[in-house]
Structures are given as C-alpha cells and as structure tokens.
C-alpha cells in the first residue's frame, strides 16, 4: 500500500482537479470559436452602409440581396481567408 502524507494527497487532488478544469475550459473555447466562425461566414456586409445581412436570405433569392437599410444591391460573395 502506498502511504501518502496529507500534504501530498491535497497536492495531487488539486493538480487533478485544476487539470480537469483546464481541459474543459480549452474544449469550451475551441467549440465557441468554431461556432462563432460558422456564424460569421453567413454574414454579408453592405458595401455602402456596412449593415450585416444574412447570407441564407441571399442564397434563396438569387445572388443579389437588397440592403434593408440603404436599398443598395449586394452580391452573395464570400471572401476566402482563415
């Protein structure tokens, strides 16, 4: 049987507990960033006034989307990037 002092037991318990919290935190942040990047890919910004428009509306009605704020036509054109 392995004998541990109380100090070592508390130290091991804290290390395991904090490592678990760290892994959950990293996993949550990775998931949050992935979902945020998927949401930002579906946004189109008006070239005149800068209002954010959803790409799902443009894809169902054709390649042009009329801005509800200024009335200009905008293309459903996504730029590549990271």
C-alpha atoms as a PDB file:
ATOM      1  CA  UNK A   1       0.000   0.000   0.000  1.00  0.00           C
ATOM      2  CA  UNK A   2       1.261   3.437  -0.912  1.00  0.00           C
ATOM      3  CA  UNK A   3       1.400   5.781   2.013  1.00  0.00           C
ATOM      4  CA  UNK A   4       0.802   9.466   1.345  1.00  0.00           C
ATOM      5  CA  UNK A   5       1.012  12.318   3.732  1.00  0.00           C
ATOM      6  CA  UNK A   6      -1.881  14.712   3.900  1.00  0.00           C
ATOM      7  CA  UNK A   7       0.103  17.421   2.094  1.00  0.00           C
ATOM      8  CA  UNK A   8       0.841  15.157  -0.896  1.00  0.00           C
ATOM      9  CA  UNK A   9      -2.761  13.971  -1.038  1.00  0.00           C
ATOM     10  CA  UNK A  10      -4.045  17.562  -1.133  1.00  0.00           C
ATOM     11  CA  UNK A  11      -1.443  18.476  -3.759  1.00  0.00           C
ATOM     12  CA  UNK A  12      -2.377  15.555  -6.044  1.00  0.00           C
ATOM     13  CA  UNK A  13      -6.088  16.265  -5.587  1.00  0.00           C
ATOM     14  CA  UNK A  14      -5.642  19.938  -6.532  1.00  0.00           C
ATOM     15  CA  UNK A  15      -3.492  19.135  -9.571  1.00  0.00           C
ATOM     16  CA  UNK A  16      -6.038  16.644 -10.923  1.00  0.00           C
ATOM     17  CA  UNK A  17      -8.959  18.999 -10.224  1.00  0.00           C
ATOM     18  CA  UNK A  18      -7.286  22.008 -11.856  1.00  0.00           C
ATOM     19  CA  UNK A  19      -6.156  19.934 -14.854  1.00  0.00           C
ATOM     20  CA  UNK A  20      -9.771  18.834 -15.366  1.00  0.00           C
ATOM     21  CA  UNK A  21     -10.985  22.429 -15.260  1.00  0.00           C
ATOM     22  CA  UNK A  22      -8.262  23.434 -17.727  1.00  0.00           C
ATOM     23  CA  UNK A  23      -9.272  20.700 -20.211  1.00  0.00           C
ATOM     24  CA  UNK A  24     -12.945  21.666 -20.009  1.00  0.00           C
ATOM     25  CA  UNK A  25     -12.045  25.333 -20.490  1.00  0.00           C
ATOM     26  CA  UNK A  26      -9.898  24.631 -23.562  1.00  0.00           C
ATOM     27  CA  UNK A  27     -12.596  22.412 -25.073  1.00  0.00           C
ATOM     28  CA  UNK A  28     -15.283  25.029 -24.450  1.00  0.00           C
ATOM     29  CA  UNK A  29     -13.187  27.780 -26.060  1.00  0.00           C
ATOM     30  CA  UNK A  30     -12.457  25.640 -29.125  1.00  0.00           C
ATOM     31  CA  UNK A  31     -16.167  24.882 -29.541  1.00  0.00           C
ATOM     32  CA  UNK A  32     -17.138  28.535 -29.008  1.00  0.00           C
ATOM     33  CA  UNK A  33     -14.651  29.755 -31.637  1.00  0.00           C
ATOM     34  CA  UNK A  34     -15.788  27.135 -34.150  1.00  0.00           C
ATOM     35  CA  UNK A  35     -19.445  28.133 -33.723  1.00  0.00           C
ATOM     36  CA  UNK A  36     -18.594  31.838 -33.914  1.00  0.00           C
ATOM     37  CA  UNK A  37     -16.654  31.378 -37.149  1.00  0.00           C
ATOM     38  CA  UNK A  38     -19.566  29.445 -38.714  1.00  0.00           C
ATOM     39  CA  UNK A  39     -21.932  32.290 -37.786  1.00  0.00           C
ATOM     40  CA  UNK A  40     -19.618  34.934 -39.228  1.00  0.00           C
ATOM     41  CA  UNK A  41     -19.349  33.058 -42.556  1.00  0.00           C
ATOM     42  CA  UNK A  42     -23.077  33.522 -43.100  1.00  0.00           C
ATOM     43  CA  UNK A  43     -22.925  37.318 -42.795  1.00  0.00           C
ATOM     44  CA  UNK A  44     -22.662  39.694 -45.737  1.00  0.00           C
ATOM     45  CA  UNK A  45     -21.827  43.330 -45.087  1.00  0.00           C
ATOM     46  CA  UNK A  46     -23.395  46.034 -47.225  1.00  0.00           C
ATOM     47  CA  UNK A  47     -20.726  47.845 -49.236  1.00  0.00           C
ATOM     48  CA  UNK A  48     -22.478  51.206 -48.861  1.00  0.00           C
ATOM     49  CA  UNK A  49     -23.663  51.426 -45.248  1.00  0.00           C
ATOM     50  CA  UNK A  50     -21.931  48.438 -43.577  1.00  0.00           C
ATOM     51  CA  UNK A  51     -25.061  46.754 -42.189  1.00  0.00           C
ATOM     52  CA  UNK A  52     -24.694  42.998 -41.607  1.00  0.00           C
ATOM     53  CA  UNK A  53     -27.013  40.889 -43.799  1.00  0.00           C
ATOM     54  CA  UNK A  54     -27.564  37.136 -43.577  1.00  0.00           C
ATOM     55  CA  UNK A  55     -26.271  35.017 -46.448  1.00  0.00           C
ATOM     56  CA  UNK A  56     -29.111  32.486 -46.162  1.00  0.00           C
ATOM     57  CA  UNK A  57     -31.589  35.077 -47.484  1.00  0.00           C
ATOM     58  CA  UNK A  58     -29.352  35.843 -50.448  1.00  0.00           C
ATOM     59  CA  UNK A  59     -28.821  32.219 -51.379  1.00  0.00           C
ATOM     60  CA  UNK A  60     -32.577  31.514 -51.534  1.00  0.00           C
ATOM     61  CA  UNK A  61     -33.496  34.614 -53.565  1.00  0.00           C
ATOM     62  CA  UNK A  62     -30.563  34.622 -56.002  1.00  0.00           C
ATOM     63  CA  UNK A  63     -27.124  36.148 -55.993  1.00  0.00           C
ATOM     64  CA  UNK A  64     -28.236  39.741 -55.218  1.00  0.00           C
ATOM     65  CA  UNK A  65     -29.532  40.943 -51.879  1.00  0.00           C
ATOM     66  CA  UNK A  66     -31.121  44.334 -51.301  1.00  0.00           C
ATOM     67  CA  UNK A  67     -29.961  46.049 -48.122  1.00  0.00           C
ATOM     68  CA  UNK A  68     -32.942  46.906 -45.888  1.00  0.00           C
ATOM     69  CA  UNK A  69     -31.142  49.966 -44.541  1.00  0.00           C
ATOM     70  CA  UNK A  70     -29.926  51.818 -47.652  1.00  0.00           C
ATOM     71  CA  UNK A  71     -31.543  49.840 -50.501  1.00  0.00           C
ATOM     72  CA  UNK A  72     -28.337  49.057 -52.414  1.00  0.00           C
ATOM     73  CA  UNK A  73     -27.841  45.682 -54.070  1.00  0.00           C
ATOM     74  CA  UNK A  74     -25.127  43.439 -52.645  1.00  0.00           C
ATOM     75  CA  UNK A  75     -23.684  40.211 -54.032  1.00  0.00           C
ATOM     76  CA  UNK A  76     -23.574  36.989 -52.096  1.00  0.00           C
ATOM     77  CA  UNK A  77     -19.795  36.943 -52.438  1.00  0.00           C
ATOM     78  CA  UNK A  78     -17.691  35.439 -49.662  1.00  0.00           C
ATOM     79  CA  UNK A  79     -14.028  36.208 -49.411  1.00  0.00           C
ATOM     80  CA  UNK A  80     -11.659  33.419 -48.521  1.00  0.00           C
ATOM     81  CA  UNK A  81      -9.467  33.592 -45.510  1.00  0.00           C
ATOM     82  CA  UNK A  82      -8.554  31.950 -42.266  1.00  0.00           C
END
